[in-house]
Each structure stands twice: as C-alpha cells, then as structure tokens.
C-alpha cells in the first residue's frame, strides 16, 4: 500500500507532464497552419503545397460555380455556399439513411503569411472546387548557383 500512496502523491506532476506533452503535440501539428481538420465537414477538402502555391481542393459534386463564395480576409480563407436538396424543395417524410447534406455550408482555413492572397484564383470543374493561393516570391524555394572562384 505505501507504493500506491507514493504513486498517488506524484500523480499531479505526472498529469502536468502529460498536459505539457499534449500541448506540445498540438502546437507542432503541421495541419494547424492551414486549419484544424473537422470530421464530417462539408465539402471535404485536401490542402497541399504545390511548390509555387498552396492549393485547396474541395469535393462538391452537383453544384455550379455560382453556388460558391470564396473570400480571403486577413489570413483566413473561407469557402461558403448553398447545396440544394437533390429532389428540389420537397423533402421525403423520413430518411432511412442520409449521407448527402443539403443547406448552407462554410469552411475556413488559416493561411500562412507567406502567401499572396490578392493573387488567389478559384475554378470549379467536374465536381471539384480548386482554390490556388500563390506563394510570395521570398517564400518560394530558390536555387543558388555556386560559381568557381
């Protein structure tokens, strides 16, 4: 029993250490710079670094370009819009299963500072909304040639 009591006395310190480790993992998360992932968020998004730009691709089949609103305010990129029900205004009496959301949606992502928001572009094709935000010139990787002395 004395060993158990000693372990219980140390538990507050162990809890603090555990919290510290969890916070370190949270702040070092590479996804944090472009937004926190959300389960079941619509439309689903993939975000990647193409080298010269950050690219966000949203899967949103059945919509039209006019159904989207894409904006950047400060460092926050927001994609919002409206998805109508596939059967128009009439809703069935009760769903047996519903996996296709309808209604308004909005997704926001924090962009890194080294992007040029004023040069962003968006296009919608084959059910994919693609938003490209170019990197600022100093943020792009540059090769420097080594000269002979």
N, C-alpha and C. Protein backbone atom coordinates (compact mmCIF):
# COMPACT_ATOMS: atom_id res chain seq x y z
N UNK A 1 0.80 -1.21 0.00
CA UNK A 1 0.00 0.00 0.00
C UNK A 1 0.85 1.27 0.00
N UNK A 2 2.02 1.32 0.66
CA UNK A 2 2.82 2.54 0.63
C UNK A 2 3.26 2.91 -0.78
N UNK A 3 3.55 1.94 -1.63
CA UNK A 3 3.95 2.25 -3.01
C UNK A 3 2.81 2.91 -3.77
N UNK A 4 1.60 2.46 -3.55
CA UNK A 4 0.43 3.07 -4.19
C UNK A 4 0.24 4.51 -3.73
N UNK A 5 0.42 4.75 -2.44
CA UNK A 5 0.29 6.11 -1.91
C UNK A 5 1.35 7.03 -2.51
N UNK A 6 2.59 6.53 -2.67
CA UNK A 6 3.65 7.35 -3.27
C UNK A 6 3.30 7.69 -4.71
N UNK A 7 2.74 6.73 -5.43
CA UNK A 7 2.36 6.97 -6.81
C UNK A 7 1.23 7.99 -6.90
N UNK A 8 0.29 7.93 -5.97
CA UNK A 8 -0.81 8.89 -5.96
C UNK A 8 -0.32 10.29 -5.63
N UNK A 9 0.71 10.40 -4.79
CA UNK A 9 1.26 11.71 -4.47
C UNK A 9 1.92 12.36 -5.68
N UNK A 10 2.50 11.56 -6.55
CA UNK A 10 3.19 12.08 -7.73
C UNK A 10 2.24 12.33 -8.91
N UNK A 11 1.03 11.85 -8.83
CA UNK A 11 0.13 11.95 -9.98
C UNK A 11 -0.13 13.37 -10.45
N UNK A 12 -0.21 14.41 -9.58
CA UNK A 12 -0.40 15.75 -10.13
C UNK A 12 0.74 16.17 -11.04
N UNK A 13 1.96 15.81 -10.69
CA UNK A 13 3.10 16.15 -11.55
C UNK A 13 3.04 15.38 -12.86
N UNK A 14 2.63 14.12 -12.76
CA UNK A 14 2.52 13.32 -13.98
C UNK A 14 1.42 13.87 -14.88
N UNK A 15 0.33 14.34 -14.28
CA UNK A 15 -0.76 14.94 -15.06
C UNK A 15 -0.29 16.20 -15.77
N UNK A 16 0.50 17.02 -15.06
CA UNK A 16 1.02 18.24 -15.69
C UNK A 16 1.96 17.90 -16.83
N UNK A 17 2.79 16.89 -16.65
CA UNK A 17 3.72 16.47 -17.70
C UNK A 17 2.93 15.96 -18.91
N UNK A 18 1.88 15.20 -18.65
CA UNK A 18 1.03 14.69 -19.73
C UNK A 18 0.37 15.84 -20.49
N UNK A 19 -0.12 16.84 -19.75
CA UNK A 19 -0.72 18.00 -20.38
C UNK A 19 0.31 18.76 -21.23
N UNK A 20 1.51 18.92 -20.69
CA UNK A 20 2.57 19.61 -21.43
C UNK A 20 2.88 18.88 -22.74
N UNK A 21 2.97 17.55 -22.69
CA UNK A 21 3.24 16.77 -23.90
C UNK A 21 2.11 16.91 -24.92
N UNK A 22 0.87 16.91 -24.43
CA UNK A 22 -0.27 17.05 -25.34
C UNK A 22 -0.26 18.42 -26.00
N UNK A 23 0.05 19.47 -25.25
CA UNK A 23 0.09 20.82 -25.82
C UNK A 23 1.23 20.97 -26.83
N UNK A 24 2.37 20.35 -26.54
CA UNK A 24 3.49 20.40 -27.49
C UNK A 24 3.09 19.73 -28.79
N UNK A 25 2.43 18.58 -28.71
CA UNK A 25 1.98 17.90 -29.91
C UNK A 25 0.98 18.72 -30.69
N UNK A 26 0.09 19.43 -29.98
CA UNK A 26 -0.90 20.27 -30.62
C UNK A 26 -0.24 21.40 -31.39
N UNK A 27 0.70 22.12 -30.79
CA UNK A 27 1.33 23.26 -31.44
C UNK A 27 2.26 22.85 -32.56
N UNK A 28 2.76 21.62 -32.53
CA UNK A 28 3.66 21.16 -33.59
C UNK A 28 2.92 20.47 -34.72
N UNK A 29 1.61 20.44 -34.66
CA UNK A 29 0.78 19.81 -35.69
C UNK A 29 0.91 20.58 -37.00
N UNK A 30 1.40 19.96 -38.09
CA UNK A 30 1.55 20.69 -39.35
C UNK A 30 0.23 21.13 -39.95
N UNK A 31 -0.87 20.49 -39.60
CA UNK A 31 -2.17 20.89 -40.14
C UNK A 31 -2.67 22.17 -39.51
N UNK A 32 -2.08 22.56 -38.39
CA UNK A 32 -2.55 23.73 -37.68
C UNK A 32 -2.40 25.01 -38.50
N UNK A 33 -1.37 25.10 -39.33
CA UNK A 33 -1.15 26.33 -40.08
C UNK A 33 -2.20 26.56 -41.16
N UNK A 34 -2.88 25.52 -41.58
CA UNK A 34 -3.91 25.68 -42.60
C UNK A 34 -5.30 25.33 -42.09
N UNK A 35 -5.46 25.21 -40.81
CA UNK A 35 -6.78 24.93 -40.24
C UNK A 35 -6.84 23.59 -39.56
N UNK A 36 -7.71 23.48 -38.63
CA UNK A 36 -7.87 22.25 -37.88
C UNK A 36 -8.84 21.35 -38.63
N UNK A 37 -8.47 20.08 -38.86
CA UNK A 37 -9.36 19.19 -39.59
C UNK A 37 -10.67 18.97 -38.84
N UNK A 38 -11.75 18.84 -39.56
CA UNK A 38 -13.06 18.63 -38.95
C UNK A 38 -13.69 17.36 -39.49
N UNK A 39 -14.20 16.53 -38.59
CA UNK A 39 -14.85 15.30 -39.00
C UNK A 39 -16.21 15.63 -39.62
N UNK A 40 -16.55 14.98 -40.69
CA UNK A 40 -17.84 15.13 -41.37
C UNK A 40 -18.11 16.56 -41.85
N UNK A 41 -17.08 17.34 -42.10
CA UNK A 41 -17.27 18.69 -42.61
C UNK A 41 -17.57 18.63 -44.11
N UNK A 42 -18.40 19.54 -44.58
CA UNK A 42 -18.74 19.60 -45.99
C UNK A 42 -18.40 20.97 -46.53
N UNK A 43 -17.82 21.04 -47.70
CA UNK A 43 -17.31 19.93 -48.50
C UNK A 43 -15.94 19.47 -47.98
N UNK A 44 -15.64 18.18 -48.17
CA UNK A 44 -14.33 17.70 -47.74
C UNK A 44 -13.23 18.38 -48.55
N UNK A 45 -12.07 18.59 -47.92
CA UNK A 45 -11.00 19.36 -48.56
C UNK A 45 -9.67 18.63 -48.43
N UNK A 46 -8.84 18.80 -49.44
CA UNK A 46 -7.44 18.41 -49.40
C UNK A 46 -6.64 19.69 -49.59
N UNK A 47 -5.61 19.87 -48.77
CA UNK A 47 -4.77 21.06 -48.85
C UNK A 47 -3.34 20.59 -49.05
N UNK A 48 -2.68 21.14 -50.08
CA UNK A 48 -1.30 20.73 -50.30
C UNK A 48 -0.46 21.89 -50.81
N UNK A 49 0.83 21.71 -50.68
CA UNK A 49 1.80 22.70 -51.13
C UNK A 49 2.33 22.24 -52.48
N UNK A 50 2.05 23.00 -53.52
CA UNK A 50 2.48 22.64 -54.86
C UNK A 50 3.89 23.16 -55.17
N UNK A 51 4.48 23.90 -54.26
CA UNK A 51 5.79 24.49 -54.50
C UNK A 51 5.68 25.97 -54.75
N UNK A 52 4.85 26.35 -55.73
CA UNK A 52 4.67 27.77 -56.04
C UNK A 52 3.38 28.33 -55.45
N UNK A 53 2.53 27.45 -54.87
CA UNK A 53 1.24 27.90 -54.33
C UNK A 53 0.70 26.89 -53.33
N UNK A 54 -0.19 27.37 -52.46
CA UNK A 54 -0.99 26.47 -51.62
C UNK A 54 -2.25 26.17 -52.43
N UNK A 55 -2.64 24.91 -52.48
CA UNK A 55 -3.79 24.51 -53.28
C UNK A 55 -4.79 23.79 -52.38
N UNK A 56 -6.03 24.22 -52.45
CA UNK A 56 -7.11 23.60 -51.69
C UNK A 56 -8.09 23.03 -52.71
N UNK A 57 -8.42 21.75 -52.59
CA UNK A 57 -9.40 21.14 -53.49
C UNK A 57 -10.57 20.63 -52.64
N UNK A 58 -11.77 21.06 -53.02
CA UNK A 58 -12.98 20.70 -52.30
C UNK A 58 -13.80 19.77 -53.19
N UNK A 59 -14.25 18.65 -52.65
CA UNK A 59 -15.14 17.75 -53.39
C UNK A 59 -16.57 18.22 -53.18
N UNK A 60 -17.18 18.71 -54.24
CA UNK A 60 -18.54 19.23 -54.14
C UNK A 60 -19.30 18.95 -55.43
N UNK A 61 -19.61 17.67 -55.71
CA UNK A 61 -20.32 17.36 -56.95
C UNK A 61 -21.75 17.88 -56.93
N UNK A 62 -22.25 18.18 -58.13
CA UNK A 62 -23.64 18.59 -58.28
C UNK A 62 -23.89 20.07 -58.06
N UNK A 63 -22.84 20.84 -57.82
CA UNK A 63 -23.01 22.28 -57.63
C UNK A 63 -22.61 23.03 -58.88
N UNK A 64 -22.88 24.32 -58.91
CA UNK A 64 -22.47 25.19 -60.00
C UNK A 64 -21.49 26.22 -59.46
N UNK A 65 -20.66 26.82 -60.29
CA UNK A 65 -19.73 27.84 -59.80
C UNK A 65 -20.41 28.95 -58.99
N UNK A 66 -21.62 29.33 -59.37
CA UNK A 66 -22.34 30.38 -58.66
C UNK A 66 -22.83 29.97 -57.28
N UNK A 67 -22.77 28.67 -56.95
CA UNK A 67 -23.20 28.20 -55.63
C UNK A 67 -22.15 28.48 -54.56
N UNK A 68 -20.95 28.87 -54.96
CA UNK A 68 -19.84 29.08 -54.02
C UNK A 68 -19.56 30.56 -53.82
N UNK A 69 -19.06 30.86 -52.63
CA UNK A 69 -18.48 32.16 -52.33
C UNK A 69 -17.11 31.88 -51.72
N UNK A 70 -16.07 32.44 -52.32
CA UNK A 70 -14.71 32.24 -51.83
C UNK A 70 -14.16 33.62 -51.47
N UNK A 71 -13.66 33.75 -50.24
CA UNK A 71 -13.13 35.03 -49.81
C UNK A 71 -11.91 34.83 -48.93
N UNK A 72 -11.06 35.86 -48.91
CA UNK A 72 -9.90 35.87 -48.02
C UNK A 72 -9.95 37.18 -47.27
N UNK A 73 -9.96 37.08 -45.95
CA UNK A 73 -9.93 38.26 -45.09
C UNK A 73 -8.76 38.09 -44.14
N UNK A 74 -7.78 38.97 -44.26
CA UNK A 74 -6.55 38.79 -43.49
C UNK A 74 -5.86 37.53 -43.97
N UNK A 75 -5.66 36.58 -43.08
CA UNK A 75 -5.05 35.30 -43.43
C UNK A 75 -6.07 34.17 -43.47
N UNK A 76 -7.37 34.48 -43.37
CA UNK A 76 -8.41 33.46 -43.31
C UNK A 76 -9.10 33.31 -44.66
N UNK A 77 -9.02 32.12 -45.24
CA UNK A 77 -9.72 31.80 -46.49
C UNK A 77 -11.01 31.10 -46.10
N UNK A 78 -12.13 31.58 -46.65
CA UNK A 78 -13.44 31.00 -46.36
C UNK A 78 -14.12 30.59 -47.66
N UNK A 79 -14.62 29.37 -47.68
CA UNK A 79 -15.43 28.88 -48.79
C UNK A 79 -16.80 28.59 -48.21
N UNK A 80 -17.82 29.22 -48.77
CA UNK A 80 -19.18 29.01 -48.29
C UNK A 80 -20.11 28.88 -49.48
N UNK A 81 -21.32 28.47 -49.19
CA UNK A 81 -22.28 28.32 -50.27
C UNK A 81 -23.54 27.63 -49.81
N UNK A 82 -24.30 27.21 -50.80
CA UNK A 82 -25.59 26.57 -50.55
C UNK A 82 -25.69 25.33 -51.42
N UNK A 83 -26.08 24.24 -50.82
CA UNK A 83 -26.29 22.99 -51.57
C UNK A 83 -27.77 22.62 -51.44
N UNK A 84 -28.47 22.61 -52.58
CA UNK A 84 -29.89 22.28 -52.54
C UNK A 84 -30.08 20.78 -52.41
N UNK A 85 -31.24 20.44 -51.95
CA UNK A 85 -31.61 19.03 -51.84
C UNK A 85 -31.71 18.46 -53.25
N UNK A 86 -31.25 17.22 -53.46
CA UNK A 86 -31.30 16.65 -54.82
C UNK A 86 -32.71 16.58 -55.40
N UNK A 87 -33.72 16.48 -54.56
CA UNK A 87 -35.08 16.40 -55.09
C UNK A 87 -35.80 17.74 -55.00
N UNK A 88 -35.05 18.83 -55.01
CA UNK A 88 -35.65 20.16 -55.01
C UNK A 88 -36.18 20.53 -53.64
N UNK A 89 -37.29 21.24 -53.62
CA UNK A 89 -37.83 21.75 -52.36
C UNK A 89 -38.54 20.68 -51.54
N UNK A 90 -39.02 19.62 -52.20
CA UNK A 90 -39.78 18.64 -51.43
C UNK A 90 -38.84 17.69 -50.70
N UNK A 91 -39.12 17.46 -49.46
CA UNK A 91 -38.33 16.57 -48.61
C UNK A 91 -39.13 15.30 -48.38
N UNK A 92 -38.46 14.16 -48.33
CA UNK A 92 -39.19 12.93 -48.03
C UNK A 92 -39.73 12.97 -46.60
N UNK A 93 -40.69 12.11 -46.32
CA UNK A 93 -41.29 12.07 -44.99
C UNK A 93 -40.26 11.70 -43.93
N UNK A 94 -39.35 10.82 -44.25
CA UNK A 94 -38.32 10.41 -43.29
C UNK A 94 -37.20 9.71 -44.01
N UNK A 95 -36.01 10.02 -43.64
CA UNK A 95 -34.85 9.38 -44.25
C UNK A 95 -34.60 8.03 -43.60
N UNK A 96 -34.29 7.04 -44.39
CA UNK A 96 -33.80 5.77 -43.84
C UNK A 96 -32.30 5.87 -43.60
N UNK A 97 -31.64 6.66 -44.46
CA UNK A 97 -30.22 6.95 -44.30
C UNK A 97 -29.95 8.24 -45.06
N UNK A 98 -29.17 9.14 -44.46
CA UNK A 98 -28.88 10.41 -45.13
C UNK A 98 -27.38 10.70 -45.03
N UNK A 99 -26.71 10.66 -46.16
CA UNK A 99 -25.28 10.94 -46.22
C UNK A 99 -24.96 12.12 -47.12
N UNK A 100 -25.96 12.65 -47.79
CA UNK A 100 -25.77 13.79 -48.70
C UNK A 100 -26.38 15.02 -48.05
N UNK A 101 -25.53 15.86 -47.45
CA UNK A 101 -26.08 17.03 -46.75
C UNK A 101 -26.62 18.07 -47.74
N UNK A 102 -27.59 18.84 -47.29
CA UNK A 102 -28.08 19.97 -48.08
C UNK A 102 -28.16 21.16 -47.15
N UNK A 103 -28.28 22.34 -47.74
CA UNK A 103 -28.32 23.57 -46.95
C UNK A 103 -27.03 24.35 -47.11
N UNK A 104 -26.86 25.34 -46.25
CA UNK A 104 -25.68 26.18 -46.37
C UNK A 104 -24.48 25.51 -45.71
N UNK A 105 -23.30 25.87 -46.20
CA UNK A 105 -22.05 25.34 -45.65
C UNK A 105 -21.02 26.45 -45.62
N UNK A 106 -20.02 26.27 -44.78
CA UNK A 106 -18.93 27.22 -44.69
C UNK A 106 -17.72 26.52 -44.09
N UNK A 107 -16.57 26.70 -44.72
CA UNK A 107 -15.29 26.17 -44.22
C UNK A 107 -14.29 27.31 -44.22
N UNK A 108 -13.52 27.44 -43.16
CA UNK A 108 -12.50 28.49 -43.06
C UNK A 108 -11.16 27.88 -42.70
N UNK A 109 -10.09 28.45 -43.25
CA UNK A 109 -8.74 27.95 -43.05
C UNK A 109 -7.79 29.12 -42.83
N UNK A 110 -6.89 28.97 -41.88
CA UNK A 110 -5.88 29.98 -41.63
C UNK A 110 -4.71 29.72 -42.57
N UNK A 111 -4.38 30.74 -43.39
CA UNK A 111 -3.31 30.61 -44.37
C UNK A 111 -1.99 31.08 -43.78
N UNK A 112 -0.87 30.51 -44.24
CA UNK A 112 0.43 31.02 -43.81
C UNK A 112 0.62 32.45 -44.31
N UNK A 113 1.46 33.22 -43.64
CA UNK A 113 1.67 34.61 -44.02
C UNK A 113 2.36 34.76 -45.36
N UNK A 114 3.11 33.78 -45.78
CA UNK A 114 3.91 33.95 -46.99
C UNK A 114 3.14 33.74 -48.29
N UNK A 115 1.81 33.78 -48.25
CA UNK A 115 1.00 33.63 -49.46
C UNK A 115 0.50 34.99 -49.93
N UNK A 116 0.26 35.10 -51.24
CA UNK A 116 -0.24 36.35 -51.83
C UNK A 116 -1.75 36.20 -52.06
N UNK A 117 -2.52 36.60 -51.06
CA UNK A 117 -3.98 36.44 -51.11
C UNK A 117 -4.60 37.22 -52.26
N UNK A 118 -4.02 38.35 -52.63
CA UNK A 118 -4.60 39.17 -53.69
C UNK A 118 -4.45 38.53 -55.07
N UNK A 119 -3.66 37.47 -55.18
CA UNK A 119 -3.49 36.78 -56.48
C UNK A 119 -4.15 35.41 -56.48
N UNK A 120 -5.02 35.14 -55.51
CA UNK A 120 -5.70 33.85 -55.42
C UNK A 120 -6.67 33.67 -56.58
N UNK A 121 -6.90 32.41 -56.96
CA UNK A 121 -7.87 32.10 -58.02
C UNK A 121 -8.67 30.86 -57.62
N UNK A 122 -9.87 30.72 -58.18
CA UNK A 122 -10.72 29.57 -57.91
C UNK A 122 -11.40 29.13 -59.19
N UNK A 123 -11.53 27.82 -59.36
CA UNK A 123 -12.25 27.28 -60.52
C UNK A 123 -13.00 26.03 -60.08
N UNK A 124 -14.12 25.76 -60.74
CA UNK A 124 -14.95 24.60 -60.44
C UNK A 124 -15.09 23.77 -61.69
N UNK A 125 -14.68 22.51 -61.60
CA UNK A 125 -14.73 21.62 -62.76
C UNK A 125 -14.89 20.19 -62.29
N UNK A 126 -15.81 19.47 -62.91
CA UNK A 126 -16.04 18.04 -62.65
C UNK A 126 -16.23 17.75 -61.17
N UNK A 127 -16.98 18.60 -60.46
CA UNK A 127 -17.29 18.37 -59.06
C UNK A 127 -16.21 18.78 -58.08
N UNK A 128 -15.12 19.39 -58.58
CA UNK A 128 -14.04 19.83 -57.71
C UNK A 128 -13.89 21.34 -57.77
N UNK A 129 -13.91 21.98 -56.60
CA UNK A 129 -13.58 23.39 -56.50
C UNK A 129 -12.11 23.45 -56.12
N UNK A 130 -11.31 24.13 -56.94
CA UNK A 130 -9.88 24.25 -56.69
C UNK A 130 -9.55 25.71 -56.43
N UNK A 131 -8.97 25.98 -55.27
CA UNK A 131 -8.55 27.33 -54.91
C UNK A 131 -7.03 27.32 -54.83
N UNK A 132 -6.39 28.22 -55.58
CA UNK A 132 -4.94 28.34 -55.57
C UNK A 132 -4.54 29.70 -55.03
N UNK A 133 -3.62 29.69 -54.06
CA UNK A 133 -3.12 30.93 -53.50
C UNK A 133 -1.59 30.90 -53.67
N UNK A 134 -1.06 31.74 -54.58
CA UNK A 134 0.38 31.71 -54.86
C UNK A 134 1.22 32.11 -53.64
N UNK A 135 2.42 31.55 -53.61
CA UNK A 135 3.37 31.92 -52.56
C UNK A 135 4.01 33.25 -52.93
N UNK A 136 4.33 34.02 -51.92
CA UNK A 136 5.07 35.26 -52.14
C UNK A 136 6.47 34.88 -52.63
N UNK A 137 7.06 35.72 -53.41
CA UNK A 137 8.35 35.42 -54.02
C UNK A 137 9.41 34.96 -53.01
N UNK A 138 9.61 35.62 -51.88
CA UNK A 138 10.65 35.17 -50.95
C UNK A 138 10.37 33.80 -50.35
N UNK A 139 9.11 33.35 -50.33
CA UNK A 139 8.77 32.07 -49.72
C UNK A 139 9.03 30.89 -50.66
N UNK A 140 9.19 31.16 -51.94
CA UNK A 140 9.43 30.07 -52.89
C UNK A 140 10.86 29.57 -52.76
N UNK A 141 11.05 28.26 -52.85
CA UNK A 141 12.40 27.74 -52.79
C UNK A 141 13.21 28.26 -53.99
N UNK A 142 14.42 28.69 -53.74
CA UNK A 142 15.26 29.20 -54.80
C UNK A 142 16.57 28.44 -54.84
N UNK A 143 17.04 28.18 -56.02
CA UNK A 143 18.35 27.53 -56.19
C UNK A 143 19.37 28.61 -56.46
N UNK A 144 20.50 28.47 -55.82
CA UNK A 144 21.58 29.44 -55.99
C UNK A 144 22.75 28.70 -56.61
N UNK A 145 23.18 29.18 -57.76
CA UNK A 145 24.29 28.55 -58.46
C UNK A 145 25.60 28.87 -57.73
N UNK A 146 26.44 27.87 -57.62
CA UNK A 146 27.76 28.06 -56.99
C UNK A 146 28.77 28.33 -58.09
N UNK A 147 29.45 29.45 -58.02
CA UNK A 147 30.41 29.87 -59.03
C UNK A 147 31.82 29.38 -58.65
N UNK A 148 32.64 29.17 -59.67
CA UNK A 148 34.04 28.88 -59.42
C UNK A 148 34.73 30.15 -58.93
N UNK A 149 35.69 29.99 -58.04
CA UNK A 149 36.39 31.16 -57.51
C UNK A 149 37.42 31.69 -58.48
